[in-house]
Protein backbone atom coordinates (compact mmCIF):
# COMPACT_ATOMS: atom_id res chain seq x y z
CA MET A 1 3.86 9.03 14.68
CA THR A 2 6.14 6.85 15.86
CA GLU A 3 5.17 7.36 19.66
CA PHE A 4 1.51 6.48 18.37
CA ILE A 5 2.69 3.02 16.51
CA LEU A 6 4.37 2.16 19.78
CA ASN A 7 1.64 2.77 22.02
CA GLY A 8 -0.31 0.80 19.76
CA ILE A 9 2.06 -2.26 19.62
CA ALA A 10 2.65 -1.80 23.26
CA TRP A 11 -0.82 -2.08 23.90
CA GLY A 12 -1.99 -4.65 21.63
CA GLY A 13 1.14 -6.98 21.12
CA TYR A 14 0.48 -8.59 17.69
CA ILE A 15 -3.39 -7.76 17.69
CA GLY A 16 -1.87 -3.77 17.24
CA ILE A 17 0.28 -4.83 14.51
CA PHE A 18 -2.37 -6.34 12.41
CA LEU A 19 -4.40 -3.26 13.76
CA LEU A 20 -1.88 -0.88 12.73
CA MET A 21 -0.89 -2.59 9.59
CA ALA A 22 -4.64 -2.45 7.93
CA LEU A 23 -5.00 0.86 9.28
CA GLU A 24 -1.85 1.53 6.89
CA ASN A 25 -2.99 0.31 4.20
CA ILE A 26 -6.69 2.52 4.62
CA ILE A 27 -5.08 5.42 5.44
CA PRO A 28 -1.13 5.37 3.61
CA PRO A 29 0.51 8.12 5.44
CA ILE A 30 0.98 5.69 8.55
CA PRO A 31 4.51 4.10 7.41
CA SER A 32 4.31 -0.24 7.12
CA GLU A 33 8.25 0.63 7.18
CA VAL A 34 8.45 1.94 10.48
CA ILE A 35 5.42 -0.69 12.35
CA MET A 36 7.44 -3.64 11.08
CA GLY A 37 10.73 -2.14 11.65
CA LEU A 38 9.24 -1.40 15.60
CA GLY A 39 8.01 -5.32 15.37
CA GLY A 40 11.61 -6.53 14.32
CA MET A 41 13.22 -4.61 17.07
CA ALA A 42 10.41 -6.36 19.66
CA VAL A 43 11.71 -9.51 18.17
CA ALA A 44 15.18 -8.43 19.04
CA ARG A 45 14.46 -7.31 22.61
CA GLY A 46 12.50 -11.11 23.03
CA ASP A 47 9.23 -9.28 23.44
CA MET A 48 7.41 -10.83 19.93
CA ALA A 49 8.59 -13.82 17.58
CA MET A 50 9.02 -13.34 13.82
CA VAL A 51 6.69 -15.67 12.40
CA PRO A 52 3.86 -14.52 14.43
CA LEU A 53 4.65 -11.14 13.94
CA VAL A 54 4.86 -11.45 9.80
CA LEU A 55 1.28 -13.35 9.92
CA TRP A 56 -0.06 -11.08 12.09
CA GLY A 57 1.39 -7.90 9.93
CA THR A 58 0.50 -9.86 6.73
CA ALA A 59 -3.10 -10.55 7.97
CA GLY A 60 -3.60 -6.64 8.62
CA THR A 61 -2.02 -5.72 5.41
CA THR A 62 -4.28 -7.86 3.51
CA ALA A 63 -7.32 -7.25 5.35
CA GLY A 64 -6.66 -3.31 4.66
CA ASN A 65 -6.24 -3.97 0.87
CA TYR A 66 -9.10 -5.77 0.78
CA VAL A 67 -11.61 -2.63 2.09
CA TRP A 68 -10.11 -0.99 -1.48
CA TYR A 69 -10.90 -3.85 -3.26
CA HIS A 70 -14.20 -3.92 -1.79
CA ILE A 71 -15.11 -0.64 -2.69
CA GLY A 72 -13.47 -1.02 -6.34
CA ARG A 73 -15.58 -4.24 -7.18
CA HIS A 74 -18.33 -2.88 -5.53
CA VAL A 75 -18.26 0.64 -7.46
CA GLY A 76 -17.35 -0.72 -10.94
CA TYR A 77 -15.32 0.93 -13.21
CA VAL A 78 -18.42 1.75 -15.73
CA ARG A 79 -19.97 4.09 -13.08
CA PHE A 80 -16.85 6.51 -13.37
CA ARG A 81 -17.13 7.29 -17.04
CA PRO A 82 -18.85 10.60 -16.19
CA PHE A 83 -16.57 11.84 -13.52
CA VAL A 84 -13.44 10.86 -15.65
CA GLU A 85 -15.05 12.66 -19.00
CA ARG A 86 -15.96 15.62 -16.38
CA HIS A 87 -12.56 15.66 -14.81
CA GLY A 88 -10.01 14.20 -17.25
CA ARG A 89 -7.59 16.94 -16.80
CA TRP A 90 -7.15 16.68 -13.37
CA LEU A 91 -6.64 12.62 -13.35
CA THR A 92 -4.66 12.95 -16.49
CA MET A 93 -6.51 10.36 -18.51
CA GLU A 94 -9.65 9.61 -21.19
CA TRP A 95 -11.99 6.89 -20.69
CA GLU A 96 -10.23 5.34 -23.39
CA ASP A 97 -7.32 4.91 -21.05
CA VAL A 98 -9.59 3.65 -18.21
CA GLU A 99 -10.29 0.76 -20.41
CA LYS A 100 -7.12 -0.06 -21.50
CA LEU A 101 -6.14 -0.03 -17.75
CA HIS A 102 -9.09 -2.53 -17.08
CA ARG A 103 -8.22 -4.66 -19.88
CA PHE A 104 -4.72 -4.68 -18.32
CA PHE A 105 -6.04 -5.66 -15.04
CA VAL A 106 -7.93 -8.48 -16.31
CA HIS A 107 -4.98 -10.21 -18.01
CA HIS A 108 -1.89 -9.23 -15.97
CA GLY A 109 -3.61 -8.06 -12.42
CA GLY A 110 -2.44 -10.81 -10.25
CA TRP A 111 1.31 -9.91 -10.90
CA VAL A 112 1.00 -6.23 -10.98
CA VAL A 113 -1.01 -6.31 -7.47
CA PHE A 114 2.35 -8.98 -6.14
CA VAL A 115 5.01 -6.65 -7.78
CA PHE A 116 3.27 -3.35 -6.61
CA ARG A 117 3.06 -4.65 -2.77
CA PHE A 118 7.00 -3.37 -2.96
CA MET A 119 6.30 0.09 -3.77
CA PRO A 120 5.21 3.02 -1.58
CA THR A 121 1.94 4.63 -1.96
CA PHE A 122 1.05 2.26 -4.89
CA ARG A 123 0.82 -1.20 -2.93
CA THR A 124 -2.43 0.44 -1.51
CA MET A 125 -3.63 2.15 -4.71
CA VAL A 126 -3.26 -0.74 -6.70
CA SER A 127 -6.30 -2.43 -4.79
CA LEU A 128 -9.10 -0.08 -6.41
CA PRO A 129 -8.50 -0.97 -9.93
CA ALA A 130 -7.95 -4.65 -9.02
CA GLY A 131 -11.51 -4.64 -7.73
CA MET A 132 -12.85 -2.47 -10.67
CA ALA A 133 -11.31 -5.00 -12.64
CA ARG A 134 -13.38 -7.70 -10.76
CA MET A 135 -10.38 -9.44 -10.34
CA PRO A 136 -11.20 -12.88 -8.63
CA ARG A 137 -10.90 -12.61 -4.81
CA TRP A 138 -8.79 -15.67 -4.50
CA ARG A 139 -6.07 -14.12 -7.13
CA PHE A 140 -6.27 -10.63 -5.37
CA LEU A 141 -6.07 -11.96 -1.80
CA ILE A 142 -3.14 -14.66 -2.92
CA ALA A 143 -1.15 -12.26 -4.72
CA THR A 144 -1.36 -9.59 -1.74
CA ALA A 145 -0.69 -12.40 0.91
CA GLY A 146 2.25 -13.34 -0.98
CA GLY A 147 3.61 -9.69 -1.90
CA SER A 148 3.21 -8.65 1.61
CA ALA A 149 4.47 -11.50 3.46
CA ILE A 150 7.97 -11.15 1.43
CA TRP A 151 8.02 -7.19 1.93
CA ASN A 152 6.84 -7.46 5.36
CA THR A 153 9.31 -10.12 6.60
CA ILE A 154 12.24 -8.03 4.97
CA LEU A 155 11.20 -4.78 7.10
CA ALA A 156 10.74 -6.95 10.44
CA ALA A 157 14.13 -8.39 9.57
CA ALA A 158 15.40 -4.89 9.20
CA GLY A 159 14.05 -4.32 12.52
CA LEU A 160 15.79 -7.07 14.18
CA TYR A 161 19.12 -5.98 12.84
CA LEU A 162 19.26 -2.53 13.54
CA ASP A 163 17.49 -3.15 16.70
CA ARG A 164 18.89 0.05 19.19
CA ARG A 165 19.78 2.03 16.03
CA PHE A 166 16.03 2.49 14.96
CA GLN A 167 16.80 6.35 15.84
CA GLU A 168 19.29 6.36 13.09
CA LEU A 169 16.77 4.62 11.01
CA ASP A 170 14.03 7.26 11.37
CA ARG A 171 16.15 9.85 11.05
CA TYR A 172 16.61 8.87 7.22
CA VAL A 173 13.32 7.09 6.58
CA GLY A 174 11.54 10.17 7.44
CA PRO A 175 13.38 12.74 4.91
CA LEU A 176 13.23 9.94 2.32
CA ALA A 177 9.37 9.43 2.47
CA ILE A 178 8.83 13.44 2.10
CA ALA A 179 11.03 13.51 -0.59
CA LEU A 180 8.99 10.60 -2.45
CA THR A 181 6.11 12.37 -1.69
CA VAL A 182 7.30 15.71 -3.33
CA ALA A 183 8.65 13.76 -6.20
CA ILE A 184 5.02 12.23 -6.63
CA VAL A 185 3.43 15.68 -6.02
CA VAL A 186 5.80 17.19 -8.66
CA PHE A 187 5.52 14.75 -11.46
CA TYR A 188 1.01 14.83 -11.26
CA ILE A 189 1.49 18.64 -11.36
CA TYR A 190 3.74 18.14 -14.42
CA ARG A 191 1.47 15.88 -15.82
CA VAL A 192 -1.79 18.04 -15.67
CA VAL A 193 -0.01 21.16 -17.11
CA THR A 194 1.11 19.12 -19.95
CA TRP A 195 -2.21 17.32 -20.45
CA ARG A 196 -3.85 17.02 -23.69
CA PRO A 197 -6.76 15.05 -24.91
CA ARG A 198 -6.79 13.13 -27.90
CA ALA A 199 -7.88 14.95 -31.03
CA GLY A 200 -11.55 14.20 -32.20
């Protein structure tokens, strides 16, 4: 994965950063932490500049998330009712839960999208319900770009600071990402096993 990202950056420069960050938000297993971290290292070597790196990375993040937002907005949440009612156990929710989530996003979606930009996995997933709740595009784009710019700056700055210690960083990031994924899977299995529909 690291080799793929390095090749993408070497091939496309800032455009490569944009494409990789967009792809990371469409296909989450590609880690933005490594993309922007490597970008920060390129800044340390003089191959890139920090401001364009963060701007292109943020543009890619916003573009990738907008894909999921657009899908959610196009499909809408009402069309999911038969699916939710049929597969409630595997979703660990009922239609009433979906309606509550929808109302929550209508009133508080902006800050939720902003805060979730700092959370692995959830920063991509949150775009779908935002679209389903028909959050205004301008609000979604501002919240996404604002949160992403801060997070990408932190990641790039870390890469700039660590520079040649990246192999040491990669040694810890990989297992941490795996542990987080396992924790999410275990929590989901627990939810499925213990989930019960509401009476009536």
